[in-house]
Amino acid sequence: MDDLLWMGKVLQAAGQAELMPRFNRLAPDQIARKTSAFDVVTLADERSEAAIASDLARRFPGALIVGEEAAGRDPELLERIGGRDLAFVVDPLDGTRNFASGLPLFGVMAAAVVRGEIMAGAIHDPVTGSTAYAFRSGGAWLEHEGGGRRIDLRVAAPVPPDQMDGVIGTNFLPEPLRTRVNQRLSSLSTTCWLRCAAHEYRLAAAGQVHALFYNKLMPWDHAAGWLLHREAGGHSAHFDGSPFLPAHMSGGLICAPDARSWRDLKAALLD
């Protein structure tokens, strides 16, 4: 538990030192496109990842550290996550497009993976200074800047799909599945997409939305959030019902309040 709280402080330090001073202050040459218009990187991403990786390496020498930008340079890092005694998966700036556009909806995430299982995770919001934590079999909670009272997180009560509020990401679905899911979104009460998994998982873990739906599964986007949702009482699985692991980068992911509402949501959107 102490290591988890320490990891949260590392994310907080990176947000304060590397992200917030650059928010709304990036020069055009400090923003670059990676693989598409949806996939950008900034100087803030790179500096934040370097700071977090350095702190993790000092405290946990020998651990595998898989940051989003490092994995972009060396994709083979992704193949090693499941086989190491200890690995850290880091998203130094989740919601980069929002950050680069001046939208204050971004976060910093890290998860500890032990022999392929996600054991701890933290999601920090540099704008509000709050950090969400999850510890396997130890619950999920939120702490505001400066510590203080721990607010336990709990997913929303189960409801039928037509009463669900959902964060539904269809941009990375292949056709014709994308069109089919988009046509079925009206079967839910409301839907949105924040372009920031950090905030989306925090909303679900706090019971502020019922459902999450993703197709693109990069471990830095989902490891910490998946555990946060699980420890807040939620149920999640790939589209075929199989369990999610951080080494899985395909198969989609649906998160819901419980197993029954997961099945109902899958039927509403996919079956």
C-alpha atoms as a PDB file:
ATOM      1  CA  MET A   1       0.000   0.000   0.000  1.00  0.00           C
ATOM      2  CA  ASP A   2       2.853   2.390   0.806  1.00  0.00           C
ATOM      3  CA  ASP A   3       4.314   1.789  -2.649  1.00  0.00           C
ATOM      4  CA  LEU A   4       0.946   2.600  -4.247  1.00  0.00           C
ATOM      5  CA  LEU A   5       0.673   5.901  -2.384  1.00  0.00           C
ATOM      6  CA  TRP A   6       4.261   6.670  -3.338  1.00  0.00           C
ATOM      7  CA  MET A   7       3.423   5.957  -6.992  1.00  0.00           C
ATOM      8  CA  GLY A   8       0.560   8.420  -6.718  1.00  0.00           C
ATOM      9  CA  LYS A   9       2.965  11.073  -5.469  1.00  0.00           C
ATOM     10  CA  VAL A  10       5.222  10.398  -8.459  1.00  0.00           C
ATOM     11  CA  LEU A  11       2.301  11.049 -10.806  1.00  0.00           C
ATOM     12  CA  GLN A  12       1.392  14.178  -8.874  1.00  0.00           C
ATOM     13  CA  ALA A  13       4.952  15.481  -9.132  1.00  0.00           C
ATOM     14  CA  ALA A  14       5.054  14.859 -12.886  1.00  0.00           C
ATOM     15  CA  GLY A  15       1.746  16.629 -13.346  1.00  0.00           C
ATOM     16  CA  GLN A  16       2.868  19.639 -11.353  1.00  0.00           C
ATOM     17  CA  ALA A  17       6.376  19.912 -12.785  1.00  0.00           C
ATOM     18  CA  GLU A  18       5.972  18.748 -16.388  1.00  0.00           C
ATOM     19  CA  LEU A  19       2.329  19.090 -17.453  1.00  0.00           C
ATOM     20  CA  MET A  20       0.675  22.081 -15.834  1.00  0.00           C
ATOM     21  CA  PRO A  21       3.501  24.545 -16.667  1.00  0.00           C
ATOM     22  CA  ARG A  22       3.082  23.555 -20.351  1.00  0.00           C
ATOM     23  CA  PHE A  23      -0.719  23.494 -20.462  1.00  0.00           C
ATOM     24  CA  ASN A  24      -1.913  26.189 -22.875  1.00  0.00           C
ATOM     25  CA  ARG A  25       1.725  27.136 -23.443  1.00  0.00           C
ATOM     26  CA  LEU A  26       2.920  24.633 -26.056  1.00  0.00           C
ATOM     27  CA  ALA A  27       4.616  26.012 -29.142  1.00  0.00           C
ATOM     28  CA  PRO A  28       3.593  24.470 -32.491  1.00  0.00           C
ATOM     29  CA  ASP A  29       6.932  22.682 -32.771  1.00  0.00           C
ATOM     30  CA  GLN A  30       6.269  20.983 -29.403  1.00  0.00           C
ATOM     31  CA  ILE A  31       3.289  19.042 -30.820  1.00  0.00           C
ATOM     32  CA  ALA A  32       3.799  16.190 -33.283  1.00  0.00           C
ATOM     33  CA  ARG A  33       1.586  13.617 -34.970  1.00  0.00           C
ATOM     34  CA  LYS A  34       2.497   9.969 -34.424  1.00  0.00           C
ATOM     35  CA  THR A  35       0.352   7.551 -36.441  1.00  0.00           C
ATOM     36  CA  SER A  36      -2.730   9.620 -37.269  1.00  0.00           C
ATOM     37  CA  ALA A  37      -4.574  12.825 -36.488  1.00  0.00           C
ATOM     38  CA  PHE A  38      -6.002  11.014 -33.457  1.00  0.00           C
ATOM     39  CA  ASP A  39      -2.527  10.138 -32.163  1.00  0.00           C
ATOM     40  CA  VAL A  40      -0.356  13.072 -31.157  1.00  0.00           C
ATOM     41  CA  VAL A  41       2.564  13.533 -28.787  1.00  0.00           C
ATOM     42  CA  THR A  42       3.837  16.673 -27.120  1.00  0.00           C
ATOM     43  CA  LEU A  43       6.936  17.752 -25.278  1.00  0.00           C
ATOM     44  CA  ALA A  44       4.856  17.445 -22.107  1.00  0.00           C
ATOM     45  CA  ASP A  45       4.234  13.715 -22.742  1.00  0.00           C
ATOM     46  CA  GLU A  46       7.933  13.089 -23.187  1.00  0.00           C
ATOM     47  CA  ARG A  47       9.075  15.072 -20.159  1.00  0.00           C
ATOM     48  CA  SER A  48       6.402  13.564 -17.923  1.00  0.00           C
ATOM     49  CA  GLU A  49       7.300  10.014 -18.949  1.00  0.00           C
ATOM     50  CA  ALA A  50      11.004  10.628 -18.393  1.00  0.00           C
ATOM     51  CA  ALA A  51      10.353  11.952 -14.880  1.00  0.00           C
ATOM     52  CA  ILE A  52       8.036   9.085 -13.907  1.00  0.00           C
ATOM     53  CA  ALA A  53      10.298   6.400 -15.377  1.00  0.00           C
ATOM     54  CA  SER A  54      13.323   7.831 -13.578  1.00  0.00           C
ATOM     55  CA  ASP A  55      11.555   7.788 -10.208  1.00  0.00           C
ATOM     56  CA  LEU A  56      10.245   4.246 -10.714  1.00  0.00           C
ATOM     57  CA  ALA A  57      13.658   2.946 -11.780  1.00  0.00           C
ATOM     58  CA  ARG A  58      15.313   4.379  -8.684  1.00  0.00           C
ATOM     59  CA  ARG A  59      12.820   2.800  -6.295  1.00  0.00           C
ATOM     60  CA  PHE A  60      12.396  -0.479  -8.184  1.00  0.00           C
ATOM     61  CA  PRO A  61      15.692  -1.298  -9.926  1.00  0.00           C
ATOM     62  CA  GLY A  62      15.245  -4.151 -12.360  1.00  0.00           C
ATOM     63  CA  ALA A  63      11.528  -3.594 -12.895  1.00  0.00           C
ATOM     64  CA  LEU A  64      10.272  -3.321 -16.460  1.00  0.00           C
ATOM     65  CA  ILE A  65       8.915   0.155 -17.165  1.00  0.00           C
ATOM     66  CA  VAL A  66       6.630   0.421 -20.179  1.00  0.00           C
ATOM     67  CA  GLY A  67       5.710   4.007 -20.960  1.00  0.00           C
ATOM     68  CA  GLU A  68       3.577   4.945 -23.933  1.00  0.00           C
ATOM     69  CA  GLU A  69       6.352   6.893 -25.632  1.00  0.00           C
ATOM     70  CA  ALA A  70       9.038   4.291 -24.864  1.00  0.00           C
ATOM     71  CA  ALA A  71       6.820   1.570 -26.335  1.00  0.00           C
ATOM     72  CA  GLY A  72       6.399   3.685 -29.446  1.00  0.00           C
ATOM     73  CA  ARG A  73      10.158   3.592 -29.888  1.00  0.00           C
ATOM     74  CA  ASP A  74      10.489  -0.087 -28.899  1.00  0.00           C
ATOM     75  CA  PRO A  75       7.238  -2.033 -29.478  1.00  0.00           C
ATOM     76  CA  GLU A  76       8.840  -5.222 -28.139  1.00  0.00           C
ATOM     77  CA  LEU A  77       8.432  -3.800 -24.632  1.00  0.00           C
ATOM     78  CA  LEU A  78       4.739  -4.678 -24.868  1.00  0.00           C
ATOM     79  CA  GLU A  79       5.535  -8.369 -25.292  1.00  0.00           C
ATOM     80  CA  ARG A  80       7.443  -8.463 -21.989  1.00  0.00           C
ATOM     81  CA  ILE A  81       4.722  -7.148 -19.680  1.00  0.00           C
ATOM     82  CA  GLY A  82       3.129 -10.502 -18.903  1.00  0.00           C
ATOM     83  CA  GLY A  83       6.324 -12.381 -18.144  1.00  0.00           C
ATOM     84  CA  ARG A  84       8.078 -10.115 -15.662  1.00  0.00           C
ATOM     85  CA  ASP A  85       8.008 -10.365 -11.880  1.00  0.00           C
ATOM     86  CA  LEU A  86       7.310  -6.629 -11.747  1.00  0.00           C
ATOM     87  CA  ALA A  87       6.375  -4.230 -14.516  1.00  0.00           C
ATOM     88  CA  PHE A  88       4.983  -0.718 -14.529  1.00  0.00           C
ATOM     89  CA  VAL A  89       2.696   0.520 -17.285  1.00  0.00           C
ATOM     90  CA  VAL A  90       2.700   4.317 -17.577  1.00  0.00           C
ATOM     91  CA  ASP A  91       0.617   6.822 -19.490  1.00  0.00           C
ATOM     92  CA  PRO A  92       2.443  10.099 -18.849  1.00  0.00           C
ATOM     93  CA  LEU A  93      -0.317  12.211 -20.402  1.00  0.00           C
ATOM     94  CA  ASP A  94      -3.630  10.577 -21.178  1.00  0.00           C
ATOM     95  CA  GLY A  95      -5.844  12.824 -23.265  1.00  0.00           C
ATOM     96  CA  THR A  96      -2.999  14.385 -25.211  1.00  0.00           C
ATOM     97  CA  ARG A  97      -5.332  15.827 -27.862  1.00  0.00           C
ATOM     98  CA  ASN A  98      -7.347  17.549 -25.160  1.00  0.00           C
ATOM     99  CA  PHE A  99      -4.164  18.873 -23.554  1.00  0.00           C
ATOM    100  CA  ALA A 100      -2.807  20.156 -26.860  1.00  0.00           C
ATOM    101  CA  SER A 101      -6.158  21.822 -27.612  1.00  0.00           C
ATOM    102  CA  GLY A 102      -6.299  23.634 -24.279  1.00  0.00           C
ATOM    103  CA  LEU A 103      -9.100  21.439 -22.922  1.00  0.00           C
ATOM    104  CA  PRO A 104      -8.509  20.738 -19.196  1.00  0.00           C
ATOM    105  CA  LEU A 105      -9.466  17.079 -19.439  1.00  0.00           C
ATOM    106  CA  PHE A 106      -6.348  14.934 -19.164  1.00  0.00           C
ATOM    107  CA  GLY A 107      -4.600  12.727 -16.647  1.00  0.00           C
ATOM    108  CA  VAL A 108      -1.546  10.715 -15.663  1.00  0.00           C
ATOM    109  CA  MET A 109      -1.818   6.965 -15.065  1.00  0.00           C
ATOM    110  CA  ALA A 110       0.386   4.144 -13.844  1.00  0.00           C
ATOM    111  CA  ALA A 111      -0.218   0.521 -12.909  1.00  0.00           C
ATOM    112  CA  ALA A 112       1.946  -2.122 -11.258  1.00  0.00           C
ATOM    113  CA  VAL A 113       1.792  -5.529 -12.944  1.00  0.00           C
ATOM    114  CA  VAL A 114       3.094  -8.614 -11.109  1.00  0.00           C
ATOM    115  CA  ARG A 115       3.594 -11.705 -13.279  1.00  0.00           C
ATOM    116  CA  GLY A 116       0.892 -10.582 -15.672  1.00  0.00           C
ATOM    117  CA  GLU A 117      -1.691  -9.493 -13.079  1.00  0.00           C
ATOM    118  CA  ILE A 118      -2.555  -5.850 -12.380  1.00  0.00           C
ATOM    119  CA  MET A 119      -1.979  -5.348  -8.658  1.00  0.00           C
ATOM    120  CA  ALA A 120      -2.141  -1.579  -8.146  1.00  0.00           C
ATOM    121  CA  GLY A 121      -3.019   1.523 -10.099  1.00  0.00           C
ATOM    122  CA  ALA A 122      -3.253   5.281  -9.756  1.00  0.00           C
ATOM    123  CA  ILE A 123      -4.910   7.941 -11.921  1.00  0.00           C
ATOM    124  CA  HIS A 124      -4.024  11.567 -11.234  1.00  0.00           C
ATOM    125  CA  ASP A 125      -5.876  14.651 -12.467  1.00  0.00           C
ATOM    126  CA  PRO A 126      -3.326  17.499 -12.559  1.00  0.00           C
ATOM    127  CA  VAL A 127      -6.042  20.134 -12.994  1.00  0.00           C
ATOM    128  CA  THR A 128      -7.908  19.384  -9.753  1.00  0.00           C
ATOM    129  CA  GLY A 129      -4.970  17.784  -7.952  1.00  0.00           C
ATOM    130  CA  SER A 130      -7.030  14.694  -7.065  1.00  0.00           C
ATOM    131  CA  THR A 131      -5.758  11.122  -7.390  1.00  0.00           C
ATOM    132  CA  ALA A 132      -7.738   7.887  -7.649  1.00  0.00           C
ATOM    133  CA  TYR A 133      -6.116   4.724  -6.287  1.00  0.00           C
ATOM    134  CA  ALA A 134      -6.839   1.017  -6.590  1.00  0.00           C
ATOM    135  CA  PHE A 135      -5.166  -1.874  -4.799  1.00  0.00           C
ATOM    136  CA  ARG A 136      -6.033  -5.438  -5.739  1.00  0.00           C
ATOM    137  CA  SER A 137      -8.499  -6.779  -3.160  1.00  0.00           C
ATOM    138  CA  GLY A 138      -7.982  -3.527  -1.262  1.00  0.00           C
ATOM    139  CA  GLY A 139     -10.617  -1.289  -2.800  1.00  0.00           C
ATOM    140  CA  ALA A 140     -10.679   1.912  -4.832  1.00  0.00           C
ATOM    141  CA  TRP A 141     -10.708   5.424  -3.462  1.00  0.00           C
ATOM    142  CA  LEU A 142     -10.135   9.080  -4.270  1.00  0.00           C
ATOM    143  CA  GLU A 143      -7.901  11.530  -2.443  1.00  0.00           C
ATOM    144  CA  HIS A 144      -7.934  15.250  -3.081  1.00  0.00           C
ATOM    145  CA  GLU A 145      -4.845  17.430  -3.234  1.00  0.00           C
ATOM    146  CA  GLY A 146      -2.984  17.495   0.063  1.00  0.00           C
ATOM    147  CA  GLY A 147      -4.409  14.184   1.275  1.00  0.00           C
ATOM    148  CA  GLY A 148      -7.122  14.356   3.865  1.00  0.00           C
ATOM    149  CA  ARG A 149     -10.283  12.283   3.805  1.00  0.00           C
ATOM    150  CA  ARG A 150     -10.309   9.136   1.691  1.00  0.00           C
ATOM    151  CA  ILE A 151     -13.455   8.880  -0.442  1.00  0.00           C
ATOM    152  CA  ASP A 152     -14.271   5.270  -1.279  1.00  0.00           C
ATOM    153  CA  LEU A 153     -15.355   4.709  -4.884  1.00  0.00           C
ATOM    154  CA  ARG A 154     -18.318   2.583  -5.911  1.00  0.00           C
ATOM    155  CA  VAL A 155     -19.793   1.905  -9.336  1.00  0.00           C
ATOM    156  CA  ALA A 156     -23.374   2.880 -10.135  1.00  0.00           C
ATOM    157  CA  ALA A 157     -26.266   0.606  -9.244  1.00  0.00           C
ATOM    158  CA  PRO A 158     -27.226  -1.730 -12.103  1.00  0.00           C
ATOM    159  CA  VAL A 159     -29.978  -0.506 -14.433  1.00  0.00           C
ATOM    160  CA  PRO A 160     -31.340  -1.678 -17.808  1.00  0.00           C
ATOM    161  CA  PRO A 161     -29.475  -0.409 -20.890  1.00  0.00           C
ATOM    162  CA  ASP A 162     -32.126   2.197 -21.694  1.00  0.00           C
ATOM    163  CA  GLN A 163     -31.334   3.838 -18.346  1.00  0.00           C
ATOM    164  CA  MET A 164     -27.542   3.638 -18.712  1.00  0.00           C
ATOM    165  CA  ASP A 165     -25.235   6.590 -19.227  1.00  0.00           C
ATOM    166  CA  GLY A 166     -22.221   5.348 -21.139  1.00  0.00           C
ATOM    167  CA  VAL A 167     -18.838   6.383 -22.456  1.00  0.00           C
ATOM    168  CA  ILE A 168     -18.774   4.612 -25.794  1.00  0.00           C
ATOM    169  CA  GLY A 169     -15.690   4.810 -27.997  1.00  0.00           C
ATOM    170  CA  THR A 170     -16.386   3.580 -31.524  1.00  0.00           C
ATOM    171  CA  ASN A 171     -13.659   5.405 -33.458  1.00  0.00           C
ATOM    172  CA  PHE A 172     -11.336   2.412 -33.545  1.00  0.00           C
ATOM    173  CA  LEU A 173     -13.944  -0.229 -34.368  1.00  0.00           C
ATOM    174  CA  PRO A 174     -13.603  -1.859 -37.796  1.00  0.00           C
ATOM    175  CA  GLU A 175     -16.434  -1.637 -40.281  1.00  0.00           C
ATOM    176  CA  PRO A 176     -19.158  -2.837 -40.441  1.00  0.00           C
ATOM    177  CA  LEU A 177     -19.084  -3.232 -36.643  1.00  0.00           C
ATOM    178  CA  ARG A 178     -18.550   0.482 -36.108  1.00  0.00           C
ATOM    179  CA  THR A 179     -21.666   1.431 -38.053  1.00  0.00           C
ATOM    180  CA  ARG A 180     -23.721  -1.240 -36.301  1.00  0.00           C
ATOM    181  CA  VAL A 181     -22.712  -0.072 -32.820  1.00  0.00           C
ATOM    182  CA  ASN A 182     -23.257   3.590 -33.721  1.00  0.00           C
ATOM    183  CA  GLN A 183     -26.759   2.749 -34.914  1.00  0.00           C
ATOM    184  CA  ARG A 184     -27.516   1.133 -31.553  1.00  0.00           C
ATOM    185  CA  LEU A 185     -26.300   3.925 -29.292  1.00  0.00           C
ATOM    186  CA  SER A 186     -29.862   5.189 -28.951  1.00  0.00           C
ATOM    187  CA  SER A 187     -30.612   2.037 -26.933  1.00  0.00           C
ATOM    188  CA  LEU A 188     -28.751   3.703 -24.036  1.00  0.00           C
ATOM    189  CA  SER A 189     -29.996   6.734 -22.119  1.00  0.00           C
ATOM    190  CA  THR A 190     -27.014   8.963 -23.005  1.00  0.00           C
ATOM    191  CA  THR A 191     -23.580   8.403 -24.516  1.00  0.00           C
ATOM    192  CA  CYS A 192     -20.396  10.431 -24.824  1.00  0.00           C
ATOM    193  CA  TRP A 193     -16.672  10.093 -25.449  1.00  0.00           C
ATOM    194  CA  LEU A 194     -14.166  12.227 -23.541  1.00  0.00           C
ATOM    195  CA  ARG A 195     -10.978  11.321 -25.468  1.00  0.00           C
ATOM    196  CA  CYS A 196      -9.442  10.579 -22.062  1.00  0.00           C
ATOM    197  CA  ALA A 197      -9.621   7.102 -20.518  1.00  0.00           C
ATOM    198  CA  ALA A 198      -8.237   8.472 -17.243  1.00  0.00           C
ATOM    199  CA  HIS A 199     -11.359  10.537 -16.653  1.00  0.00           C
ATOM    200  CA  GLU A 200     -13.683   7.964 -18.186  1.00  0.00           C
ATOM    201  CA  TYR A 201     -12.563   5.259 -15.760  1.00  0.00           C
ATOM    202  CA  ARG A 202     -12.779   7.668 -12.844  1.00  0.00           C
ATOM    203  CA  LEU A 203     -16.354   8.535 -13.799  1.00  0.00           C
ATOM    204  CA  ALA A 204     -17.324   4.853 -13.965  1.00  0.00           C
ATOM    205  CA  ALA A 205     -15.606   3.962 -10.690  1.00  0.00           C
ATOM    206  CA  ALA A 206     -17.375   6.844  -8.951  1.00  0.00           C
ATOM    207  CA  GLY A 207     -20.784   5.747 -10.231  1.00  0.00           C
ATOM    208  CA  GLN A 208     -21.206   8.797 -12.455  1.00  0.00           C
ATOM    209  CA  VAL A 209     -21.618   6.713 -15.618  1.00  0.00           C
ATOM    210  CA  HIS A 210     -22.742   3.106 -15.898  1.00  0.00           C
ATOM    211  CA  ALA A 211     -20.849   1.804 -18.891  1.00  0.00           C
ATOM    212  CA  LEU A 212     -17.544   1.987 -20.739  1.00  0.00           C
ATOM    213  CA  PHE A 213     -16.971   0.532 -24.202  1.00  0.00           C
ATOM    214  CA  TYR A 214     -13.580   0.362 -25.923  1.00  0.00           C
ATOM    215  CA  ASN A 215     -12.036  -1.408 -28.891  1.00  0.00           C
ATOM    216  CA  LYS A 216      -8.452  -0.141 -28.908  1.00  0.00           C
ATOM    217  CA  LEU A 217      -6.626  -1.673 -25.941  1.00  0.00           C
ATOM    218  CA  MET A 218      -3.190  -0.279 -25.210  1.00  0.00           C
ATOM    219  CA  PRO A 219      -2.087  -1.263 -21.689  1.00  0.00           C
ATOM    220  CA  TRP A 220      -1.222   2.261 -20.564  1.00  0.00           C
ATOM    221  CA  ASP A 221      -4.767   3.372 -21.434  1.00  0.00           C
ATOM    222  CA  HIS A 222      -6.526   0.630 -19.475  1.00  0.00           C
ATOM    223  CA  ALA A 223      -4.423  -1.127 -16.817  1.00  0.00           C
ATOM    224  CA  ALA A 224      -4.889   1.371 -13.980  1.00  0.00           C
ATOM    225  CA  GLY A 225      -8.483   2.190 -14.924  1.00  0.00           C
ATOM    226  CA  TRP A 226      -9.533  -1.442 -15.265  1.00  0.00           C
ATOM    227  CA  LEU A 227      -8.358  -2.149 -11.720  1.00  0.00           C
ATOM    228  CA  LEU A 228     -10.001   1.021 -10.410  1.00  0.00           C
ATOM    229  CA  HIS A 229     -13.328  -0.070 -11.913  1.00  0.00           C
ATOM    230  CA  ARG A 230     -12.928  -3.644 -10.634  1.00  0.00           C
ATOM    231  CA  GLU A 231     -12.102  -2.580  -7.100  1.00  0.00           C
ATOM    232  CA  ALA A 232     -15.058  -0.182  -7.135  1.00  0.00           C
ATOM    233  CA  GLY A 233     -17.268  -3.229  -7.644  1.00  0.00           C
ATOM    234  CA  GLY A 234     -17.605  -3.252 -11.421  1.00  0.00           C
ATOM    235  CA  HIS A 235     -17.551  -6.099 -13.917  1.00  0.00           C
ATOM    236  CA  SER A 236     -15.602  -6.038 -17.182  1.00  0.00           C
ATOM    237  CA  ALA A 237     -14.623  -8.428 -19.939  1.00  0.00           C
ATOM    238  CA  HIS A 238     -13.623  -8.579 -23.576  1.00  0.00           C
ATOM    239  CA  PHE A 239     -16.402  -8.597 -26.160  1.00  0.00           C
ATOM    240  CA  ASP A 240     -16.363 -12.428 -26.088  1.00  0.00           C
ATOM    241  CA  GLY A 241     -16.678 -12.519 -22.292  1.00  0.00           C
ATOM    242  CA  SER A 242     -13.086 -13.503 -21.561  1.00  0.00           C
ATOM    243  CA  PRO A 243     -11.164 -11.680 -18.795  1.00  0.00           C
ATOM    244  CA  PHE A 244      -8.967  -8.682 -19.556  1.00  0.00           C
ATOM    245  CA  LEU A 245      -5.228  -8.822 -18.899  1.00  0.00           C
ATOM    246  CA  PRO A 246      -2.700  -6.022 -19.463  1.00  0.00           C
ATOM    247  CA  ALA A 247      -0.937  -7.992 -22.184  1.00  0.00           C
ATOM    248  CA  HIS A 248      -4.160  -8.147 -24.226  1.00  0.00           C
ATOM    249  CA  MET A 249      -4.298  -5.522 -26.960  1.00  0.00           C
ATOM    250  CA  SER A 250      -7.294  -6.768 -28.899  1.00  0.00           C
ATOM    251  CA  GLY A 251     -10.733  -8.176 -28.218  1.00  0.00           C
ATOM    252  CA  GLY A 252     -12.425  -4.980 -27.056  1.00  0.00           C
ATOM    253  CA  LEU A 253     -13.528  -4.200 -23.511  1.00  0.00           C
ATOM    254  CA  ILE A 254     -16.901  -3.544 -21.906  1.00  0.00           C
ATOM    255  CA  CYS A 255     -17.223  -2.308 -18.315  1.00  0.00           C
ATOM    256  CA  ALA A 256     -20.543  -2.334 -16.457  1.00  0.00           C
ATOM    257  CA  PRO A 257     -21.814  -2.298 -12.854  1.00  0.00           C
ATOM    258  CA  ASP A 258     -22.225  -6.084 -12.635  1.00  0.00           C
ATOM    259  CA  ALA A 259     -22.197  -9.254 -14.734  1.00  0.00           C
ATOM    260  CA  ARG A 260     -25.889  -9.105 -15.617  1.00  0.00           C
ATOM    261  CA  SER A 261     -25.774  -5.498 -16.795  1.00  0.00           C
ATOM    262  CA  TRP A 262     -22.596  -6.368 -18.734  1.00  0.00           C
ATOM    263  CA  ARG A 263     -24.527  -9.061 -20.615  1.00  0.00           C
ATOM    264  CA  ASP A 264     -27.451  -6.708 -21.202  1.00  0.00           C
ATOM    265  CA  LEU A 265     -25.128  -3.985 -22.504  1.00  0.00           C
ATOM    266  CA  LYS A 266     -23.317  -6.384 -24.815  1.00  0.00           C
ATOM    267  CA  ALA A 267     -26.639  -7.590 -26.194  1.00  0.00           C
ATOM    268  CA  ALA A 268     -27.811  -4.020 -26.765  1.00  0.00           C
ATOM    269  CA  LEU A 269     -24.680  -2.926 -28.630  1.00  0.00           C
ATOM    270  CA  LEU A 270     -23.145  -6.016 -30.214  1.00  0.00           C
ATOM    271  CA  ASP A 271     -25.520  -8.983 -30.495  1.00  0.00           C
END
